[in-house]
Amino acid sequence: MRTSVPPVAANLTRAPGLGLDRDALERARGAILDLPHVLPEASVATLAHEVISRMAAQHRSARRSDCPQTEAMAEALVAPDETTAMRHVMRLLSTGVPVEDVYLTHLAGAARLLGQWWEVDRLSSAQVTIAAARTYAIMRGIASRLLPRAWPDGRHAVFATVPGERHTLGVSMAADLFRREGWLIDLMVGRQHDDLLADLGRTDFTILALSAGTPAVLPDLTRLIAAVRIAAPHALILICGRLVQDQPDLCRRTDADAATDDLAEAQSRMEAHLAVMGHFARALTEESRDR
């Protein structure tokens, strides 16, 4: 049931002047609530287990130790009142606990504990699904305000096909076109889920464009985006391909940042994301100098 994950999220810092991102939290919560209506029950369960195991792996890869409040966080995630876990996180933040510690110690540590409880049947599959949904939503609320401590200079992105996607010509052509525009594009096609995540873990990326062609890949797409969000919360995730035309509410369903089949729009969003990241990089540099 456990899967390995590259220690991407272990190297994070807080974006200057930013707190809880309630828009990201609500967007993630909405995507999770919609899943039973758009995915088979087995796919929803797989996604829930993915979230728990990936978060737990972040705790291990970051070499964090459990703290006295780890069990309290885990209990809050399965409490009858869905607001219990969020109130617990807000208390931590209000007492000065750094966002990266809330993410990598408290939330990821609780996920590790929940995984243990699940393995010994202390939790049912339904409880794991509920806890995973709450974990993911909270993670999105706090982790979208985290940045990598370092990222590559210049215009760099990863273009990849969703696991199970057979059509690779379109994304390969898009990669060539962006390269002609001066972009450094890492092209990853034909990878399975864990292999793609492992390759992403070896790449300093802040932009990921995913090519998806048919509704058949929607479960794999949703699972992949959740895993990338956990490993690289700072990344911009774009969906491209024919699926964009077939699913007008694709971003809401998958928690992607944007979905477009227009190359000019994709480039515009990518450029805007780099500008924001550059702003944060300069702010971090100034913050360091003031210390």
C-alpha atoms as a PDB file:
ATOM      1  CA  MET A   1       0.000   0.000   0.000  1.00  0.00           C
ATOM      2  CA  ARG A   2       2.957   2.317   0.533  1.00  0.00           C
ATOM      3  CA  THR A   3       4.624   4.101  -2.343  1.00  0.00           C
ATOM      4  CA  SER A   4       7.938   5.912  -2.479  1.00  0.00           C
ATOM      5  CA  VAL A   5       8.022   9.634  -3.149  1.00  0.00           C
ATOM      6  CA  PRO A   6      10.958  11.906  -3.931  1.00  0.00           C
ATOM      7  CA  PRO A   7      11.759  14.391  -1.141  1.00  0.00           C
ATOM      8  CA  VAL A   8      10.642  17.418  -3.140  1.00  0.00           C
ATOM      9  CA  ALA A   9       8.503  19.085  -0.500  1.00  0.00           C
ATOM     10  CA  ALA A  10      11.164  18.719   2.174  1.00  0.00           C
ATOM     11  CA  ASN A  11      12.996  21.716   0.738  1.00  0.00           C
ATOM     12  CA  LEU A  12      10.424  24.445   1.261  1.00  0.00           C
ATOM     13  CA  THR A  13      10.281  27.931   2.640  1.00  0.00           C
ATOM     14  CA  ARG A  14       7.371  30.256   3.323  1.00  0.00           C
ATOM     15  CA  ALA A  15       6.402  32.879   0.780  1.00  0.00           C
ATOM     16  CA  PRO A  16       7.031  36.288   2.373  1.00  0.00           C
ATOM     17  CA  GLY A  17       4.012  38.036   3.813  1.00  0.00           C
ATOM     18  CA  LEU A  18       1.528  35.298   2.979  1.00  0.00           C
ATOM     19  CA  GLY A  19      -0.720  33.224   5.208  1.00  0.00           C
ATOM     20  CA  LEU A  20      -3.472  30.686   4.687  1.00  0.00           C
ATOM     21  CA  ASP A  21      -4.747  30.534   1.110  1.00  0.00           C
ATOM     22  CA  ARG A  22      -8.479  30.053   1.607  1.00  0.00           C
ATOM     23  CA  ASP A  23      -9.176  30.147  -2.133  1.00  0.00           C
ATOM     24  CA  ALA A  24      -6.874  27.180  -2.705  1.00  0.00           C
ATOM     25  CA  LEU A  25      -8.384  25.375   0.278  1.00  0.00           C
ATOM     26  CA  GLU A  26     -11.955  25.829  -0.944  1.00  0.00           C
ATOM     27  CA  ARG A  27     -11.019  24.904  -4.494  1.00  0.00           C
ATOM     28  CA  ALA A  28      -9.400  21.688  -3.291  1.00  0.00           C
ATOM     29  CA  ARG A  29     -12.342  20.939  -1.018  1.00  0.00           C
ATOM     30  CA  GLY A  30     -14.764  21.423  -3.904  1.00  0.00           C
ATOM     31  CA  ALA A  31     -12.743  19.138  -6.155  1.00  0.00           C
ATOM     32  CA  ILE A  32     -12.700  16.434  -3.484  1.00  0.00           C
ATOM     33  CA  LEU A  33     -16.444  16.704  -2.836  1.00  0.00           C
ATOM     34  CA  ASP A  34     -17.131  16.328  -6.562  1.00  0.00           C
ATOM     35  CA  LEU A  35     -15.050  13.176  -6.959  1.00  0.00           C
ATOM     36  CA  PRO A  36     -17.762  10.624  -6.052  1.00  0.00           C
ATOM     37  CA  HIS A  37     -19.909  12.117  -8.809  1.00  0.00           C
ATOM     38  CA  VAL A  38     -17.261  11.948 -11.550  1.00  0.00           C
ATOM     39  CA  LEU A  39     -15.056   8.967 -10.648  1.00  0.00           C
ATOM     40  CA  PRO A  40     -15.782   5.303  -9.900  1.00  0.00           C
ATOM     41  CA  GLU A  41     -15.786   4.363  -6.215  1.00  0.00           C
ATOM     42  CA  ALA A  42     -12.558   2.381  -6.633  1.00  0.00           C
ATOM     43  CA  SER A  43     -10.808   5.411  -8.129  1.00  0.00           C
ATOM     44  CA  VAL A  44     -11.921   7.608  -5.237  1.00  0.00           C
ATOM     45  CA  ALA A  45     -10.520   5.067  -2.773  1.00  0.00           C
ATOM     46  CA  THR A  46      -7.254   4.889  -4.706  1.00  0.00           C
ATOM     47  CA  LEU A  47      -6.955   8.667  -4.621  1.00  0.00           C
ATOM     48  CA  ALA A  48      -7.600   8.744  -0.873  1.00  0.00           C
ATOM     49  CA  HIS A  49      -4.892   6.179  -0.227  1.00  0.00           C
ATOM     50  CA  GLU A  50      -2.560   8.109  -2.536  1.00  0.00           C
ATOM     51  CA  VAL A  51      -2.972  11.280  -0.475  1.00  0.00           C
ATOM     52  CA  ILE A  52      -2.366   9.522   2.843  1.00  0.00           C
ATOM     53  CA  SER A  53       0.662   7.550   1.651  1.00  0.00           C
ATOM     54  CA  ARG A  54       2.266  10.499  -0.169  1.00  0.00           C
ATOM     55  CA  MET A  55       1.830  12.823   2.786  1.00  0.00           C
ATOM     56  CA  ALA A  56       3.269  10.177   5.103  1.00  0.00           C
ATOM     57  CA  ALA A  57       6.236   9.779   2.767  1.00  0.00           C
ATOM     58  CA  GLN A  58       6.894  13.519   2.944  1.00  0.00           C
ATOM     59  CA  HIS A  59       7.156  13.164   6.719  1.00  0.00           C
ATOM     60  CA  ARG A  60       9.709  10.369   6.331  1.00  0.00           C
ATOM     61  CA  SER A  61      11.713  12.001   3.535  1.00  0.00           C
ATOM     62  CA  ALA A  62      11.917  15.274   5.449  1.00  0.00           C
ATOM     63  CA  ARG A  63      13.253  13.269   8.408  1.00  0.00           C
ATOM     64  CA  ARG A  64      10.788  14.897  10.745  1.00  0.00           C
ATOM     65  CA  SER A  65      10.016  13.436  14.154  1.00  0.00           C
ATOM     66  CA  ASP A  66       6.551  13.133  15.596  1.00  0.00           C
ATOM     67  CA  CYS A  67       5.595  15.852  18.027  1.00  0.00           C
ATOM     68  CA  PRO A  68       3.166  15.589  20.968  1.00  0.00           C
ATOM     69  CA  GLN A  69       0.377  17.028  18.817  1.00  0.00           C
ATOM     70  CA  THR A  70       0.692  14.515  15.963  1.00  0.00           C
ATOM     71  CA  GLU A  71      -1.973  12.222  17.382  1.00  0.00           C
ATOM     72  CA  ALA A  72      -4.238  15.188  18.121  1.00  0.00           C
ATOM     73  CA  MET A  73      -3.928  16.237  14.474  1.00  0.00           C
ATOM     74  CA  ALA A  74      -4.735  12.712  13.305  1.00  0.00           C
ATOM     75  CA  GLU A  75      -7.776  12.514  15.583  1.00  0.00           C
ATOM     76  CA  ALA A  76      -8.966  15.896  14.300  1.00  0.00           C
ATOM     77  CA  LEU A  77      -8.790  14.675  10.709  1.00  0.00           C
ATOM     78  CA  VAL A  78     -11.295  11.890  11.431  1.00  0.00           C
ATOM     79  CA  ALA A  79     -13.492  13.852  13.860  1.00  0.00           C
ATOM     80  CA  PRO A  80     -17.254  14.035  13.168  1.00  0.00           C
ATOM     81  CA  ASP A  81     -17.038  17.812  12.791  1.00  0.00           C
ATOM     82  CA  GLU A  82     -15.200  18.584   9.547  1.00  0.00           C
ATOM     83  CA  THR A  83     -13.985  21.932  10.931  1.00  0.00           C
ATOM     84  CA  THR A  84     -12.056  20.341  13.829  1.00  0.00           C
ATOM     85  CA  ALA A  85      -8.893  19.739  11.819  1.00  0.00           C
ATOM     86  CA  MET A  86      -8.872  23.224  10.328  1.00  0.00           C
ATOM     87  CA  ARG A  87      -9.346  24.807  13.754  1.00  0.00           C
ATOM     88  CA  HIS A  88      -6.412  22.741  15.013  1.00  0.00           C
ATOM     89  CA  VAL A  89      -4.209  23.991  12.155  1.00  0.00           C
ATOM     90  CA  MET A  90      -5.266  27.586  12.725  1.00  0.00           C
ATOM     91  CA  ARG A  91      -4.345  27.299  16.410  1.00  0.00           C
ATOM     92  CA  LEU A  92      -0.895  26.062  15.446  1.00  0.00           C
ATOM     93  CA  LEU A  93      -0.379  28.936  13.016  1.00  0.00           C
ATOM     94  CA  SER A  94      -1.680  31.506  15.520  1.00  0.00           C
ATOM     95  CA  THR A  95       0.861  30.346  18.102  1.00  0.00           C
ATOM     96  CA  GLY A  96       3.723  30.968  15.695  1.00  0.00           C
ATOM     97  CA  VAL A  97       4.362  27.467  14.345  1.00  0.00           C
ATOM     98  CA  PRO A  98       5.953  27.976  10.890  1.00  0.00           C
ATOM     99  CA  VAL A  99       3.840  26.934   7.914  1.00  0.00           C
ATOM    100  CA  GLU A 100       6.465  24.449   6.736  1.00  0.00           C
ATOM    101  CA  ASP A 101       6.399  22.771  10.184  1.00  0.00           C
ATOM    102  CA  VAL A 102       2.612  22.555  10.123  1.00  0.00           C
ATOM    103  CA  TYR A 103       2.900  20.902   6.726  1.00  0.00           C
ATOM    104  CA  LEU A 104       5.886  18.574   7.166  1.00  0.00           C
ATOM    105  CA  THR A 105       5.620  17.767  10.888  1.00  0.00           C
ATOM    106  CA  HIS A 106       2.000  18.057  11.980  1.00  0.00           C
ATOM    107  CA  LEU A 107      -0.044  17.319   8.857  1.00  0.00           C
ATOM    108  CA  ALA A 108       2.359  14.873   7.203  1.00  0.00           C
ATOM    109  CA  GLY A 109       3.056  13.204  10.563  1.00  0.00           C
ATOM    110  CA  ALA A 110      -0.662  12.775  11.140  1.00  0.00           C
ATOM    111  CA  ALA A 111      -0.999  11.204   7.696  1.00  0.00           C
ATOM    112  CA  ARG A 112       1.728   8.717   8.608  1.00  0.00           C
ATOM    113  CA  LEU A 113      -0.155   7.840  11.792  1.00  0.00           C
ATOM    114  CA  LEU A 114      -3.458   7.534   9.919  1.00  0.00           C
ATOM    115  CA  GLY A 115      -1.782   5.126   7.510  1.00  0.00           C
ATOM    116  CA  GLN A 116      -0.686   2.982  10.456  1.00  0.00           C
ATOM    117  CA  TRP A 117      -4.193   3.006  11.919  1.00  0.00           C
ATOM    118  CA  TRP A 118      -5.607   2.013   8.558  1.00  0.00           C
ATOM    119  CA  GLU A 119      -3.185  -0.914   8.220  1.00  0.00           C
ATOM    120  CA  VAL A 120      -4.242  -2.347  11.595  1.00  0.00           C
ATOM    121  CA  ASP A 121      -7.953  -1.745  10.836  1.00  0.00           C
ATOM    122  CA  ARG A 122      -8.347   0.969  13.424  1.00  0.00           C
ATOM    123  CA  LEU A 123      -9.833   3.073  10.605  1.00  0.00           C
ATOM    124  CA  SER A 124     -12.301   1.995   7.951  1.00  0.00           C
ATOM    125  CA  SER A 125     -11.841   2.801   4.266  1.00  0.00           C
ATOM    126  CA  ALA A 126     -14.604   5.395   4.600  1.00  0.00           C
ATOM    127  CA  GLN A 127     -12.756   7.104   7.457  1.00  0.00           C
ATOM    128  CA  VAL A 128      -9.502   7.056   5.481  1.00  0.00           C
ATOM    129  CA  THR A 129     -11.277   8.674   2.536  1.00  0.00           C
ATOM    130  CA  ILE A 130     -12.701  11.416   4.759  1.00  0.00           C
ATOM    131  CA  ALA A 131      -9.329  12.017   6.429  1.00  0.00           C
ATOM    132  CA  ALA A 132      -7.576  12.123   3.050  1.00  0.00           C
ATOM    133  CA  ALA A 133     -10.038  14.688   1.725  1.00  0.00           C
ATOM    134  CA  ARG A 134      -9.518  16.917   4.749  1.00  0.00           C
ATOM    135  CA  THR A 135      -5.752  16.440   4.662  1.00  0.00           C
ATOM    136  CA  TYR A 136      -5.580  17.396   1.002  1.00  0.00           C
ATOM    137  CA  ALA A 137      -7.772  20.476   1.390  1.00  0.00           C
ATOM    138  CA  ILE A 138      -5.796  21.761   4.374  1.00  0.00           C
ATOM    139  CA  MET A 139      -2.520  20.969   2.661  1.00  0.00           C
ATOM    140  CA  ARG A 140      -3.599  23.045  -0.330  1.00  0.00           C
ATOM    141  CA  GLY A 141      -4.556  25.897   1.954  1.00  0.00           C
ATOM    142  CA  ILE A 142      -1.145  26.087   3.587  1.00  0.00           C
ATOM    143  CA  ALA A 143       1.239  24.535   1.063  1.00  0.00           C
ATOM    144  CA  SER A 144       0.308  26.856  -1.785  1.00  0.00           C
ATOM    145  CA  ARG A 145       2.027  29.504   0.346  1.00  0.00           C
ATOM    146  CA  LEU A 146       5.269  27.530   0.364  1.00  0.00           C
ATOM    147  CA  LEU A 147       8.070  27.938  -2.134  1.00  0.00           C
ATOM    148  CA  PRO A 148      11.132  25.863  -2.973  1.00  0.00           C
ATOM    149  CA  ARG A 149      14.289  27.277  -1.441  1.00  0.00           C
ATOM    150  CA  ALA A 150      15.799  27.331  -4.916  1.00  0.00           C
ATOM    151  CA  TRP A 151      14.449  27.002  -8.442  1.00  0.00           C
ATOM    152  CA  PRO A 152      16.033  27.119 -11.874  1.00  0.00           C
ATOM    153  CA  ASP A 153      16.672  30.388 -13.617  1.00  0.00           C
ATOM    154  CA  GLY A 154      15.018  31.110 -16.926  1.00  0.00           C
ATOM    155  CA  ARG A 155      11.923  29.719 -18.550  1.00  0.00           C
ATOM    156  CA  HIS A 156      11.790  26.066 -17.564  1.00  0.00           C
ATOM    157  CA  ALA A 157       8.821  23.664 -17.614  1.00  0.00           C
ATOM    158  CA  VAL A 158       7.978  19.994 -17.762  1.00  0.00           C
ATOM    159  CA  PHE A 159       5.594  18.719 -20.441  1.00  0.00           C
ATOM    160  CA  ALA A 160       4.236  15.243 -19.732  1.00  0.00           C
ATOM    161  CA  THR A 161       1.527  12.856 -20.767  1.00  0.00           C
ATOM    162  CA  VAL A 162      -0.902  11.554 -18.177  1.00  0.00           C
ATOM    163  CA  PRO A 163      -0.277   7.884 -17.318  1.00  0.00           C
ATOM    164  CA  GLY A 164      -2.418   5.835 -19.665  1.00  0.00           C
ATOM    165  CA  GLU A 165      -2.439   8.499 -22.391  1.00  0.00           C
ATOM    166  CA  ARG A 166      -1.379   6.942 -25.697  1.00  0.00           C
ATOM    167  CA  HIS A 167      -1.264  10.035 -27.885  1.00  0.00           C
ATOM    168  CA  THR A 168       2.104  11.779 -27.603  1.00  0.00           C
ATOM    169  CA  LEU A 169       2.429  13.662 -30.875  1.00  0.00           C
ATOM    170  CA  GLY A 170       0.607  16.788 -29.683  1.00  0.00           C
ATOM    171  CA  VAL A 171       2.648  17.286 -26.521  1.00  0.00           C
ATOM    172  CA  SER A 172       5.890  16.550 -28.406  1.00  0.00           C
ATOM    173  CA  MET A 173       5.038  19.206 -31.002  1.00  0.00           C
ATOM    174  CA  ALA A 174       4.114  21.678 -28.259  1.00  0.00           C
ATOM    175  CA  ALA A 175       7.458  21.044 -26.556  1.00  0.00           C
ATOM    176  CA  ASP A 176       9.292  21.773 -29.816  1.00  0.00           C
ATOM    177  CA  LEU A 177       7.337  24.997 -30.341  1.00  0.00           C
ATOM    178  CA  PHE A 178       8.079  26.229 -26.826  1.00  0.00           C
ATOM    179  CA  ARG A 179      11.758  25.391 -27.240  1.00  0.00           C
ATOM    180  CA  ARG A 180      11.848  27.582 -30.327  1.00  0.00           C
ATOM    181  CA  GLU A 181      10.487  30.374 -28.137  1.00  0.00           C
ATOM    182  CA  GLY A 182      13.442  29.986 -25.777  1.00  0.00           C
ATOM    183  CA  TRP A 183      11.920  27.673 -23.178  1.00  0.00           C
ATOM    184  CA  LEU A 184      13.797  24.811 -21.548  1.00  0.00           C
ATOM    185  CA  ILE A 185      11.305  21.942 -21.796  1.00  0.00           C
ATOM    186  CA  ASP A 186      11.732  18.530 -20.193  1.00  0.00           C
ATOM    187  CA  LEU A 187       9.485  16.133 -22.126  1.00  0.00           C
ATOM    188  CA  MET A 188       8.209  13.089 -20.238  1.00  0.00           C
ATOM    189  CA  VAL A 189       5.929  10.757 -22.170  1.00  0.00           C
ATOM    190  CA  GLY A 190       4.788   7.191 -21.640  1.00  0.00           C
ATOM    191  CA  ARG A 191       5.620   7.057 -17.919  1.00  0.00           C
ATOM    192  CA  GLN A 192       3.548   5.167 -15.388  1.00  0.00           C
ATOM    193  CA  HIS A 193       2.363   7.013 -12.278  1.00  0.00           C
ATOM    194  CA  ASP A 194       5.223   6.243  -9.881  1.00  0.00           C
ATOM    195  CA  ASP A 195       7.883   6.485 -12.600  1.00  0.00           C
ATOM    196  CA  LEU A 196       6.650   9.915 -13.658  1.00  0.00           C
ATOM    197  CA  LEU A 197       6.644  11.179 -10.078  1.00  0.00           C
ATOM    198  CA  ALA A 198      10.153   9.831  -9.559  1.00  0.00           C
ATOM    199  CA  ASP A 199      11.341  11.643 -12.695  1.00  0.00           C
ATOM    200  CA  LEU A 200       9.640  14.840 -11.558  1.00  0.00           C
ATOM    201  CA  GLY A 201      11.388  14.486  -8.207  1.00  0.00           C
ATOM    202  CA  ARG A 202      14.725  14.642  -9.997  1.00  0.00           C
ATOM    203  CA  THR A 203      13.755  17.826 -11.856  1.00  0.00           C
ATOM    204  CA  ASP A 204      13.692  21.378 -10.514  1.00  0.00           C
ATOM    205  CA  PHE A 205      10.376  22.417 -12.007  1.00  0.00           C
ATOM    206  CA  THR A 206       7.858  25.105 -11.200  1.00  0.00           C
ATOM    207  CA  ILE A 207       5.557  24.499 -14.181  1.00  0.00           C
ATOM    208  CA  LEU A 208       3.984  21.208 -15.230  1.00  0.00           C
ATOM    209  CA  ALA A 209       1.853  20.886 -18.377  1.00  0.00           C
ATOM    210  CA  LEU A 210      -0.080  17.623 -18.591  1.00  0.00           C
ATOM    211  CA  SER A 211      -1.453  16.311 -21.861  1.00  0.00           C
ATOM    212  CA  ALA A 212      -4.760  14.424 -21.596  1.00  0.00           C
ATOM    213  CA  GLY A 213      -6.841  13.249 -24.517  1.00  0.00           C
ATOM    214  CA  THR A 214      -9.900  11.320 -23.402  1.00  0.00           C
ATOM    215  CA  PRO A 215     -12.187  11.018 -20.347  1.00  0.00           C
ATOM    216  CA  ALA A 216     -10.721   7.555 -19.761  1.00  0.00           C
ATOM    217  CA  VAL A 217      -7.585   9.115 -18.244  1.00  0.00           C
ATOM    218  CA  LEU A 218      -9.516  11.344 -15.800  1.00  0.00           C
ATOM    219  CA  PRO A 219      -8.947   9.065 -12.759  1.00  0.00           C
ATOM    220  CA  ASP A 220      -5.211   8.890 -13.498  1.00  0.00           C
ATOM    221  CA  LEU A 221      -5.078  12.639 -14.118  1.00  0.00           C
ATOM    222  CA  THR A 222      -6.784  13.445 -10.816  1.00  0.00           C
ATOM    223  CA  ARG A 223      -4.544  11.059  -8.899  1.00  0.00           C
ATOM    224  CA  LEU A 224      -1.428  12.494 -10.536  1.00  0.00           C
ATOM    225  CA  ILE A 225      -2.339  16.106  -9.783  1.00  0.00           C
ATOM    226  CA  ALA A 226      -2.982  15.263  -6.118  1.00  0.00           C
ATOM    227  CA  ALA A 227       0.427  13.595  -5.858  1.00  0.00           C
ATOM    228  CA  VAL A 228       2.191  16.526  -7.551  1.00  0.00           C
ATOM    229  CA  ARG A 229       0.409  19.006  -5.274  1.00  0.00           C
ATOM    230  CA  ILE A 230       1.811  17.161  -2.260  1.00  0.00           C
ATOM    231  CA  ALA A 231       5.351  16.857  -3.610  1.00  0.00           C
ATOM    232  CA  ALA A 232       5.612  20.282  -5.272  1.00  0.00           C
ATOM    233  CA  PRO A 233       2.988  22.643  -3.849  1.00  0.00           C
ATOM    234  CA  HIS A 234       4.610  25.649  -5.534  1.00  0.00           C
ATOM    235  CA  ALA A 235       4.156  24.297  -9.061  1.00  0.00           C
ATOM    236  CA  LEU A 236       1.740  25.632 -11.657  1.00  0.00           C
ATOM    237  CA  ILE A 237      -0.249  22.746 -13.157  1.00  0.00           C
ATOM    238  CA  LEU A 238      -1.761  23.134 -16.621  1.00  0.00           C
ATOM    239  CA  ILE A 239      -3.926  20.602 -18.449  1.00  0.00           C
ATOM    240  CA  CYS A 240      -3.742  20.553 -22.215  1.00  0.00           C
ATOM    241  CA  GLY A 241      -5.126  18.325 -24.940  1.00  0.00           C
ATOM    242  CA  ARG A 242      -8.490  17.214 -26.299  1.00  0.00           C
ATOM    243  CA  LEU A 243      -9.882  16.505 -22.831  1.00  0.00           C
ATOM    244  CA  VAL A 244     -10.013  20.264 -22.240  1.00  0.00           C
ATOM    245  CA  GLN A 245     -12.687  20.606 -24.925  1.00  0.00           C
ATOM    246  CA  ASP A 246     -14.687  17.641 -23.625  1.00  0.00           C
ATOM    247  CA  GLN A 247     -14.595  18.740 -19.967  1.00  0.00           C
ATOM    248  CA  PRO A 248     -15.259  22.481 -19.576  1.00  0.00           C
ATOM    249  CA  ASP A 249     -15.058  22.249 -15.759  1.00  0.00           C
ATOM    250  CA  LEU A 250     -11.839  20.256 -15.780  1.00  0.00           C
ATOM    251  CA  CYS A 251      -9.952  22.577 -13.416  1.00  0.00           C
ATOM    252  CA  ARG A 252     -12.662  22.374 -10.776  1.00  0.00           C
ATOM    253  CA  ARG A 253     -12.797  18.594 -11.032  1.00  0.00           C
ATOM    254  CA  THR A 254      -9.055  17.994 -10.861  1.00  0.00           C
ATOM    255  CA  ASP A 255      -7.745  20.983  -8.850  1.00  0.00           C
ATOM    256  CA  ALA A 256      -5.536  22.084 -11.750  1.00  0.00           C
ATOM    257  CA  ASP A 257      -4.569  25.735 -12.075  1.00  0.00           C
ATOM    258  CA  ALA A 258      -5.615  26.062 -15.702  1.00  0.00           C
ATOM    259  CA  ALA A 259      -6.859  24.008 -18.648  1.00  0.00           C
ATOM    260  CA  THR A 260      -6.358  25.200 -22.199  1.00  0.00           C
ATOM    261  CA  ASP A 261      -5.771  23.851 -25.683  1.00  0.00           C
ATOM    262  CA  ASP A 262      -4.438  27.215 -26.857  1.00  0.00           C
ATOM    263  CA  LEU A 263      -0.644  27.469 -26.887  1.00  0.00           C
ATOM    264  CA  ALA A 264      -0.631  31.261 -26.604  1.00  0.00           C
ATOM    265  CA  GLU A 265      -2.824  31.157 -23.504  1.00  0.00           C
ATOM    266  CA  ALA A 266      -0.677  28.404 -22.000  1.00  0.00           C
ATOM    267  CA  GLN A 267       2.475  30.459 -22.537  1.00  0.00           C
ATOM    268  CA  SER A 268       0.828  33.551 -21.056  1.00  0.00           C
ATOM    269  CA  ARG A 269      -0.090  31.659 -17.883  1.00  0.00           C
ATOM    270  CA  MET A 270       3.376  30.154 -17.649  1.00  0.00           C
ATOM    271  CA  GLU A 271       5.027  33.564 -18.036  1.00  0.00           C
ATOM    272  CA  ALA A 272       2.752  35.035 -15.358  1.00  0.00           C
ATOM    273  CA  HIS A 273       3.638  32.227 -12.953  1.00  0.00           C
ATOM    274  CA  LEU A 274       7.356  32.803 -13.478  1.00  0.00           C
ATOM    275  CA  ALA A 275       6.841  36.504 -12.790  1.00  0.00           C
ATOM    276  CA  VAL A 276       5.148  35.710  -9.480  1.00  0.00           C
ATOM    277  CA  MET A 277       7.891  33.265  -8.536  1.00  0.00           C
ATOM    278  CA  GLY A 278      10.501  35.862  -9.427  1.00  0.00           C
ATOM    279  CA  HIS A 279       8.766  38.375  -7.169  1.00  0.00           C
ATOM    280  CA  PHE A 280       8.879  35.939  -4.260  1.00  0.00           C
ATOM    281  CA  ALA A 281      12.524  35.120  -4.977  1.00  0.00           C
ATOM    282  CA  ARG A 282      13.460  38.798  -4.776  1.00  0.00           C
ATOM    283  CA  ALA A 283      11.431  39.211  -1.589  1.00  0.00           C
ATOM    284  CA  LEU A 284      13.202  36.247  -0.005  1.00  0.00           C
ATOM    285  CA  THR A 285      16.575  37.718  -0.978  1.00  0.00           C
ATOM    286  CA  GLU A 286      15.684  41.066   0.582  1.00  0.00           C
ATOM    287  CA  GLU A 287      14.336  39.336   3.673  1.00  0.00           C
ATOM    288  CA  SER A 288      17.643  37.461   4.075  1.00  0.00           C
ATOM    289  CA  ARG A 289      19.648  40.653   3.781  1.00  0.00           C
ATOM    290  CA  ASP A 290      17.569  42.342   6.490  1.00  0.00           C
ATOM    291  CA  ARG A 291      18.312  39.596   9.020  1.00  0.00           C
END
